[in-house]
Amino acid sequence: MSAGLEDIKLEALSLSEGIRDSPVCIIVLGMAGSGKTTFTRSLIQHAQQEFNPYVVNLDPACREVPYAAHVDIRDTVNYREVMKQYQLGPNGGIVTALNMFTTKMAQFAELVRRAGERGHKWCIIDTPGQIEVFTWSASGNIITEGLATMFPTIVVYVMDVVRSACPTTFMSNMLYACSILYKTRLPFLVALNKIDLQDCSFVLDWMTDFEIFQEALEQEQNFVSNLTRSMSLTLDTFYENLSTCGVSAKTGVGFAQLLKKILECVTQYEQDYKPVYEKMRKERLAEQAAGPRPADNVEEAGVAVPLGLTLQDPPANSGNSVFLMAPGLVPQSADDDDEREDMEEDAKGTAEDQNFHSFVQNHLNVQQNKRDKQQLNLK
């Protein structure tokens, strides 16, 4: 009989069994508005039959997700309560929620391991819309490295092709992608999203031909163009080994090729990155053997933070097109502050609209009276 999740200690991250072959962890990153969540939904649908993906949502601030998630951070941490109790803003609340979730990393890793044993070949992880709170926070680093030292892990960077039609915006995206690549030290795949709105061939041309990019940059008349021109030379080495694939998360175009690219990234992990993480795993095992053991009781070592529900194996999903709402976000009849606030905002908005229409009507009446007087004077 396997041990329960509550019996798992932090020592589970020692990884004494080595890196497993499955599931392959796919971390989906991208700028806000690039279509990460829609991309995740389409990836799940196209990979369902062959890879049976295990789905994880790590965005605590979203209200609904267009897919069935096996693990949802909203079931573990109440984002609104975190903001209220710690007096934080939206981004601070997301960072704190991720930090709280990371304290359950051992249980999360165990869930992913069990998913691999049950036949889930992939684990698709949707991250917060604010990319910086995941990529540059301690919790994001712990989750990424923790998974990479246990399972084959790759990063898919979703890029908005429509917004990147501007050369300076394209360069900003590439600089961010480059920084994430060197920070995570994992196989990196750029998904050029929204090709149903604009063809992505110009992006490939800009990445492979410096002169074509310079011609496009000449049309930009701003102070950033000189910096962009210099950075484009610097990124030539980055472009050489960068894997890209044009997709449309809305229509599903390009996902067959994307699945092949993901498999190539997995092979790359096995050949180039796995030895690095195996070395890292052995170093951590040596540090654990030499250093003091973690405290068995967290309350004795510090103040315990209430995290809400514990992670546990969810029931089997019946489909992947269901919009789910976290239990903590379901309106309650007894005390629903959020619903009350929404009603108050709607009432204020209605009153403002009425006042505006009254003002416009009074103004029109005054103008009409002036015109009537002018006509009487002319007579």
Protein backbone atom coordinates (compact mmCIF):
# COMPACT_ATOMS: atom_id res chain seq x y z
CA MET A 1 0.00 0.00 0.00
CA SER A 2 1.46 3.38 -1.01
CA ALA A 3 1.93 6.09 1.56
CA GLY A 4 -0.56 8.94 1.69
CA LEU A 5 0.40 12.36 0.49
CA GLU A 6 0.37 13.74 4.02
CA ASP A 7 3.10 11.21 4.93
CA ILE A 8 5.46 12.58 2.27
CA LYS A 9 8.28 14.65 3.79
CA LEU A 10 10.52 17.19 2.14
CA GLU A 11 13.16 14.47 1.79
CA ALA A 12 11.13 13.23 -1.21
CA LEU A 13 12.97 15.85 -3.23
CA SER A 14 16.26 14.04 -2.63
CA LEU A 15 15.54 12.12 -5.88
CA SER A 16 17.37 8.99 -4.85
CA GLU A 17 15.65 7.05 -7.67
CA GLY A 18 17.08 9.29 -10.40
CA ILE A 19 15.34 10.99 -13.32
CA ARG A 20 12.34 9.03 -14.57
CA ASP A 21 11.36 8.58 -18.20
CA SER A 22 7.81 9.86 -17.75
CA PRO A 23 5.85 11.99 -17.59
CA VAL A 24 7.50 14.66 -19.71
CA CYS A 25 6.87 18.04 -18.04
CA ILE A 26 5.98 20.83 -20.48
CA ILE A 27 6.10 24.29 -18.86
CA VAL A 28 4.10 26.82 -20.90
CA LEU A 29 5.37 30.40 -20.61
CA GLY A 30 4.60 33.62 -22.47
CA MET A 31 3.79 37.30 -22.21
CA ALA A 32 0.37 38.41 -20.98
CA GLY A 33 -2.13 38.20 -23.84
CA SER A 34 -0.02 35.85 -25.95
CA GLY A 35 -2.67 33.12 -25.67
CA LYS A 36 -1.04 30.73 -23.18
CA THR A 37 -4.27 29.35 -21.73
CA THR A 38 -5.91 28.86 -25.13
CA PHE A 39 -2.66 27.32 -26.37
CA THR A 40 -2.65 24.96 -23.38
CA ARG A 41 -6.21 23.87 -24.13
CA SER A 42 -5.39 23.13 -27.77
CA LEU A 43 -2.19 21.30 -26.82
CA ILE A 44 -4.15 19.11 -24.41
CA GLN A 45 -6.74 18.28 -27.06
CA HIS A 46 -4.16 17.36 -29.73
CA ALA A 47 -2.01 15.33 -27.32
CA GLN A 48 -4.88 13.56 -25.55
CA GLN A 49 -5.06 10.40 -27.62
CA GLU A 50 -1.35 9.61 -27.83
CA PHE A 51 0.15 11.16 -24.69
CA ASN A 52 -2.78 11.36 -22.20
CA PRO A 53 -1.49 14.61 -20.60
CA TYR A 54 -1.64 15.32 -16.88
CA VAL A 55 -2.76 18.96 -16.61
CA VAL A 56 -1.61 21.48 -13.99
CA ASN A 57 -2.83 25.07 -13.59
CA LEU A 58 -0.43 27.34 -11.68
CA ASP A 59 -2.30 30.62 -12.23
CA PRO A 60 -4.00 31.47 -8.92
CA ALA A 61 -5.63 34.66 -10.25
CA CYS A 62 -7.63 33.23 -13.15
CA ARG A 63 -11.33 32.76 -12.54
CA GLU A 64 -11.97 30.04 -15.11
CA VAL A 65 -9.84 27.75 -17.27
CA PRO A 66 -11.02 26.18 -20.56
CA TYR A 67 -9.70 22.73 -19.72
CA ALA A 68 -10.01 20.09 -17.02
CA ALA A 69 -7.06 20.40 -14.62
CA HIS A 70 -5.82 17.50 -12.52
CA VAL A 71 -3.96 19.85 -10.15
CA ASP A 72 -5.16 23.42 -9.71
CA ILE A 73 -3.31 25.90 -7.49
CA ARG A 74 -6.66 27.58 -6.74
CA ASP A 75 -7.71 24.46 -4.83
CA THR A 76 -4.68 24.86 -2.57
CA VAL A 77 -4.30 28.63 -2.14
CA ASN A 78 -7.09 31.21 -2.08
CA TYR A 79 -5.63 34.08 -4.08
CA ARG A 80 -8.13 36.70 -2.89
CA GLU A 81 -7.64 35.76 0.75
CA VAL A 82 -3.86 36.04 0.33
CA MET A 83 -4.23 39.57 -1.04
CA LYS A 84 -6.64 40.52 1.74
CA GLN A 85 -4.73 39.03 4.69
CA TYR A 86 -1.28 40.20 3.63
CA GLN A 87 -2.44 43.49 2.08
CA LEU A 88 -0.86 42.76 -1.29
CA GLY A 89 -1.48 43.91 -4.82
CA PRO A 90 -2.30 41.56 -7.72
CA ASN A 91 1.29 40.63 -8.60
CA GLY A 92 2.34 40.34 -4.96
CA GLY A 93 -0.64 38.07 -4.35
CA ILE A 94 0.37 35.79 -7.24
CA VAL A 95 3.98 35.58 -6.01
CA THR A 96 2.85 34.80 -2.45
CA ALA A 97 0.36 32.19 -3.69
CA LEU A 98 3.13 30.49 -5.69
CA ASN A 99 5.40 30.59 -2.63
CA MET A 100 2.70 28.87 -0.58
CA PHE A 101 2.17 26.26 -3.29
CA THR A 102 5.91 25.59 -3.38
CA THR A 103 5.79 24.50 0.26
CA LYS A 104 3.75 21.56 -1.10
CA MET A 105 6.38 20.77 -3.74
CA ALA A 106 7.07 17.29 -2.38
CA GLN A 107 3.39 16.37 -2.60
CA PHE A 108 3.09 17.93 -6.06
CA ALA A 109 6.11 15.97 -7.30
CA GLU A 110 4.59 12.79 -5.90
CA LEU A 111 1.34 13.46 -7.76
CA VAL A 112 3.25 13.92 -11.01
CA ARG A 113 5.21 10.70 -10.36
CA ARG A 114 2.01 8.75 -9.73
CA ALA A 115 0.50 10.24 -12.88
CA GLY A 116 3.41 8.81 -14.87
CA GLU A 117 2.80 5.39 -13.33
CA ARG A 118 -0.88 5.60 -14.32
CA GLY A 119 -0.01 6.11 -17.99
CA HIS A 120 0.17 9.90 -18.33
CA LYS A 121 3.09 10.41 -20.72
CA TRP A 122 3.01 14.23 -20.56
CA CYS A 123 2.45 16.76 -17.79
CA ILE A 124 1.36 20.14 -19.21
CA ILE A 125 1.80 23.08 -16.82
CA ASP A 126 0.02 26.39 -17.45
CA THR A 127 1.73 29.32 -15.70
CA PRO A 128 0.47 32.77 -14.56
CA GLY A 129 -0.27 35.45 -17.13
CA GLN A 130 2.32 37.74 -15.55
CA ILE A 131 5.35 35.87 -16.83
CA GLU A 132 7.85 37.67 -14.60
CA VAL A 133 6.25 36.48 -11.35
CA PHE A 134 7.01 32.88 -12.36
CA THR A 135 10.28 33.11 -14.28
CA TRP A 136 12.06 35.48 -11.86
CA SER A 137 10.61 34.37 -8.52
CA ALA A 138 12.16 31.86 -6.14
CA SER A 139 9.04 29.68 -6.29
CA GLY A 140 9.15 29.50 -10.10
CA ASN A 141 12.80 28.51 -9.95
CA ILE A 142 12.09 25.80 -7.35
CA ILE A 143 9.22 24.34 -9.38
CA THR A 144 11.21 24.37 -12.63
CA GLU A 145 14.42 22.89 -11.21
CA GLY A 146 12.51 20.48 -8.98
CA LEU A 147 10.68 18.99 -11.95
CA ALA A 148 13.78 19.00 -14.19
CA THR A 149 15.73 16.94 -11.66
CA MET A 150 12.97 14.31 -11.53
CA PHE A 151 11.40 14.20 -14.99
CA PRO A 152 12.28 15.17 -18.57
CA THR A 153 11.30 18.85 -18.71
CA ILE A 154 11.05 21.35 -21.55
CA VAL A 155 9.90 24.98 -21.85
CA VAL A 156 7.43 26.17 -24.49
CA TYR A 157 7.47 29.93 -24.96
CA VAL A 158 4.24 31.21 -26.53
CA MET A 159 4.86 34.29 -28.69
CA ASP A 160 2.17 36.57 -30.11
CA VAL A 161 2.93 36.90 -33.84
CA VAL A 162 0.52 39.81 -34.32
CA ARG A 163 2.16 41.99 -31.67
CA SER A 164 5.64 40.95 -32.82
CA ALA A 165 5.08 42.45 -36.28
CA CYS A 166 6.74 45.56 -34.85
CA PRO A 167 10.54 45.01 -34.93
CA THR A 168 11.12 46.52 -31.48
CA THR A 169 8.38 44.37 -29.93
CA PHE A 170 9.81 41.33 -31.69
CA MET A 171 13.24 42.11 -30.25
CA SER A 172 11.77 42.52 -26.75
CA ASN A 173 10.16 39.08 -27.07
CA MET A 174 13.40 37.53 -28.25
CA LEU A 175 15.40 39.10 -25.42
CA TYR A 176 12.94 37.76 -22.88
CA ALA A 177 13.01 34.32 -24.51
CA CYS A 178 16.81 34.36 -24.50
CA SER A 179 16.93 35.26 -20.80
CA ILE A 180 14.50 32.45 -19.93
CA LEU A 181 16.50 29.95 -21.99
CA TYR A 182 19.74 30.67 -20.15
CA LYS A 183 18.03 30.90 -16.78
CA THR A 184 16.11 27.61 -16.96
CA ARG A 185 18.84 25.68 -18.83
CA LEU A 186 16.23 23.48 -20.47
CA PRO A 187 15.21 22.61 -24.05
CA PHE A 188 13.40 25.64 -25.42
CA LEU A 189 10.65 25.76 -28.04
CA VAL A 190 9.08 28.99 -29.33
CA ALA A 191 5.44 28.58 -30.38
CA LEU A 192 4.57 31.39 -32.79
CA ASN A 193 0.90 31.74 -31.89
CA LYS A 194 -2.02 33.39 -33.74
CA ILE A 195 -0.90 32.51 -37.27
CA ASP A 196 -4.60 32.49 -38.19
CA LEU A 197 -4.40 36.30 -37.93
CA GLN A 198 -0.95 36.85 -39.40
CA ASP A 199 1.54 34.60 -41.14
CA CYS A 200 4.70 33.91 -39.15
CA SER A 201 7.09 33.72 -42.11
CA PHE A 202 8.36 37.24 -41.43
CA VAL A 203 9.53 36.14 -37.96
CA LEU A 204 11.54 33.29 -39.45
CA ASP A 205 13.02 35.68 -42.01
CA TRP A 206 14.03 38.14 -39.30
CA MET A 207 15.70 35.38 -37.32
CA THR A 208 17.66 33.94 -40.25
CA ASP A 209 18.50 37.04 -42.31
CA PHE A 210 19.98 40.05 -40.53
CA GLU A 211 19.56 42.35 -43.54
CA ILE A 212 15.81 41.70 -43.83
CA PHE A 213 15.39 42.63 -40.18
CA GLN A 214 17.44 45.78 -40.70
CA GLU A 215 15.20 46.82 -43.61
CA ALA A 216 12.14 46.43 -41.39
CA LEU A 217 13.86 48.32 -38.61
CA GLU A 218 14.64 51.26 -40.90
CA GLN A 219 10.92 52.03 -40.98
CA GLU A 220 10.92 52.54 -37.21
CA GLN A 221 11.71 56.15 -36.36
CA ASN A 222 12.28 56.10 -32.59
CA PHE A 223 15.15 56.12 -30.11
CA VAL A 224 14.83 52.37 -29.46
CA SER A 225 15.76 51.42 -33.03
CA ASN A 226 19.50 51.90 -32.47
CA LEU A 227 19.44 49.63 -29.42
CA THR A 228 17.35 47.07 -31.29
CA ARG A 229 19.83 47.11 -34.18
CA SER A 230 22.72 46.39 -31.83
CA MET A 231 20.86 43.63 -29.98
CA SER A 232 19.93 41.88 -33.23
CA LEU A 233 23.62 41.23 -33.87
CA THR A 234 24.06 39.87 -30.37
CA LEU A 235 21.19 37.38 -30.74
CA ASP A 236 22.52 35.69 -33.88
CA THR A 237 24.01 32.87 -31.81
CA PHE A 238 20.72 32.49 -29.93
CA TYR A 239 18.78 32.10 -33.19
CA GLU A 240 21.06 29.37 -34.56
CA ASN A 241 19.81 26.56 -32.33
CA LEU A 242 16.38 27.99 -31.50
CA SER A 243 13.46 25.68 -32.31
CA THR A 244 10.29 27.41 -33.56
CA CYS A 245 6.87 26.34 -34.76
CA GLY A 246 3.93 28.37 -36.06
CA VAL A 247 0.57 27.47 -34.51
CA SER A 248 -2.93 28.80 -34.06
CA ALA A 249 -4.34 28.03 -30.64
CA LYS A 250 -7.79 29.00 -31.86
CA THR A 251 -8.01 26.88 -35.03
CA GLY A 252 -5.50 24.14 -34.16
CA VAL A 253 -3.33 24.72 -37.23
CA GLY A 254 0.30 23.67 -36.76
CA PHE A 255 -0.13 21.49 -33.68
CA ALA A 256 0.80 18.28 -35.51
CA GLN A 257 4.18 19.83 -36.27
CA LEU A 258 4.37 21.20 -32.71
CA LEU A 259 4.03 17.70 -31.24
CA LYS A 260 6.98 16.57 -33.35
CA LYS A 261 9.02 19.55 -32.15
CA ILE A 262 8.21 18.70 -28.54
CA LEU A 263 9.44 15.13 -29.05
CA GLU A 264 12.66 16.53 -30.53
CA CYS A 265 13.07 18.69 -27.41
CA VAL A 266 12.59 15.61 -25.22
CA THR A 267 15.37 13.85 -27.13
CA GLN A 268 17.52 16.94 -26.67
CA TYR A 269 16.87 16.82 -22.92
CA GLU A 270 17.94 13.18 -22.76
CA GLN A 271 21.16 13.83 -24.68
CA ASP A 272 22.31 17.25 -23.48
CA TYR A 273 20.47 18.30 -20.33
CA LYS A 274 19.86 15.09 -18.41
CA PRO A 275 23.57 14.61 -17.51
CA VAL A 276 23.64 18.16 -16.10
CA TYR A 277 20.60 17.57 -13.91
CA GLU A 278 21.86 14.14 -12.88
CA LYS A 279 25.02 15.86 -11.64
CA MET A 280 22.91 18.46 -9.85
CA ARG A 281 20.82 15.70 -8.27
CA LYS A 282 23.91 13.90 -6.95
CA GLU A 283 25.29 17.13 -5.53
CA ARG A 284 22.06 17.73 -3.66
CA LEU A 285 22.06 14.17 -2.34
CA ALA A 286 25.60 14.72 -1.07
CA GLU A 287 24.58 17.99 0.59
CA GLN A 288 21.61 16.30 2.28
CA ALA A 289 23.82 13.48 3.52
CA ALA A 290 26.38 15.90 4.95
CA GLY A 291 24.04 18.56 6.32
CA PRO A 292 21.34 18.49 9.02
CA ARG A 293 18.03 16.82 8.28
CA PRO A 294 14.96 19.03 7.69
CA ALA A 295 12.63 19.47 10.62
CA ASP A 296 9.91 16.82 10.74
CA ASN A 297 7.48 19.27 12.29
CA VAL A 298 7.24 22.55 10.43
CA GLU A 299 5.49 24.27 13.34
CA GLU A 300 8.52 23.75 15.57
CA ALA A 301 10.81 25.35 12.99
CA GLY A 302 8.58 28.35 12.27
CA VAL A 303 5.05 29.64 12.03
CA ALA A 304 2.78 27.50 9.88
CA VAL A 305 0.84 29.32 7.17
CA PRO A 306 -2.72 28.12 6.46
CA LEU A 307 -2.81 26.87 2.87
CA GLY A 308 -6.43 25.80 2.53
CA LEU A 309 -7.03 22.42 0.92
CA THR A 310 -4.25 19.86 0.60
CA LEU A 311 -3.14 18.39 -2.70
CA GLN A 312 -4.68 15.06 -3.51
CA ASP A 313 -5.33 12.77 -6.45
CA PRO A 314 -8.36 14.13 -8.33
CA PRO A 315 -11.08 12.00 -9.92
CA ALA A 316 -10.62 11.01 -13.55
CA ASN A 317 -11.53 13.75 -16.03
CA SER A 318 -14.35 13.06 -18.44
CA GLY A 319 -13.28 15.67 -20.99
CA ASN A 320 -10.99 18.57 -21.74
CA SER A 321 -13.44 21.23 -22.90
CA VAL A 322 -15.05 21.94 -19.51
CA PHE A 323 -14.77 25.36 -17.90
CA LEU A 324 -13.92 24.83 -14.25
CA MET A 325 -14.22 27.19 -11.32
CA ALA A 326 -12.17 26.66 -8.18
CA PRO A 327 -14.24 25.84 -5.05
CA GLY A 328 -12.91 28.93 -3.29
CA LEU A 329 -14.33 31.11 -6.08
CA VAL A 330 -17.85 29.67 -6.17
CA PRO A 331 -20.28 32.34 -4.87
CA GLN A 332 -21.58 31.56 -1.40
CA SER A 333 -25.10 32.55 -0.36
CA ALA A 334 -24.11 33.36 3.22
CA ASP A 335 -21.24 35.77 2.74
CA ASP A 336 -20.21 36.63 -0.79
CA ASP A 337 -18.11 39.76 -0.67
CA ASP A 338 -17.07 39.50 -4.29
CA GLU A 339 -20.62 39.27 -5.56
CA ARG A 340 -21.67 42.18 -3.36
CA GLU A 341 -18.77 44.28 -4.69
CA ASP A 342 -19.73 43.44 -8.27
CA MET A 343 -23.35 44.46 -7.60
CA GLU A 344 -22.21 47.74 -6.05
CA GLU A 345 -19.96 48.43 -9.05
CA ASP A 346 -22.84 47.66 -11.43
CA ALA A 347 -25.12 50.02 -9.50
CA LYS A 348 -22.50 52.78 -9.62
CA GLY A 349 -21.99 52.21 -13.33
CA THR A 350 -25.75 52.42 -14.00
CA ALA A 351 -26.01 55.67 -12.01
CA GLU A 352 -23.08 57.16 -13.91
CA ASP A 353 -24.65 56.23 -17.25
CA GLN A 354 -27.93 57.83 -16.24
CA ASN A 355 -26.18 61.02 -15.14
CA PHE A 356 -24.24 61.17 -18.40
CA HIS A 357 -27.37 60.73 -20.52
CA SER A 358 -29.18 63.40 -18.48
CA PHE A 359 -26.27 65.79 -19.00
CA VAL A 360 -26.27 65.17 -22.75
CA GLN A 361 -30.03 65.60 -22.99
CA ASN A 362 -29.93 68.88 -21.03
CA HIS A 363 -27.15 70.16 -23.27
CA LEU A 364 -29.16 69.31 -26.40
CA ASN A 365 -32.23 71.05 -24.96
CA VAL A 366 -30.24 74.22 -24.23
CA GLN A 367 -28.83 74.25 -27.78
CA GLN A 368 -32.29 73.76 -29.25
CA ASN A 369 -33.70 76.66 -27.20
CA LYS A 370 -30.89 78.92 -28.48
CA ARG A 371 -31.68 78.00 -32.08
CA ASP A 372 -35.42 78.64 -31.51
CA LYS A 373 -34.69 82.11 -30.10
CA GLN A 374 -32.42 82.95 -33.03
CA GLN A 375 -35.16 82.00 -35.49
CA LEU A 376 -37.73 84.17 -33.63
CA ASN A 377 -35.35 87.16 -33.72
CA LEU A 378 -34.83 86.74 -37.44
CA LYS A 379 -38.59 86.88 -38.00
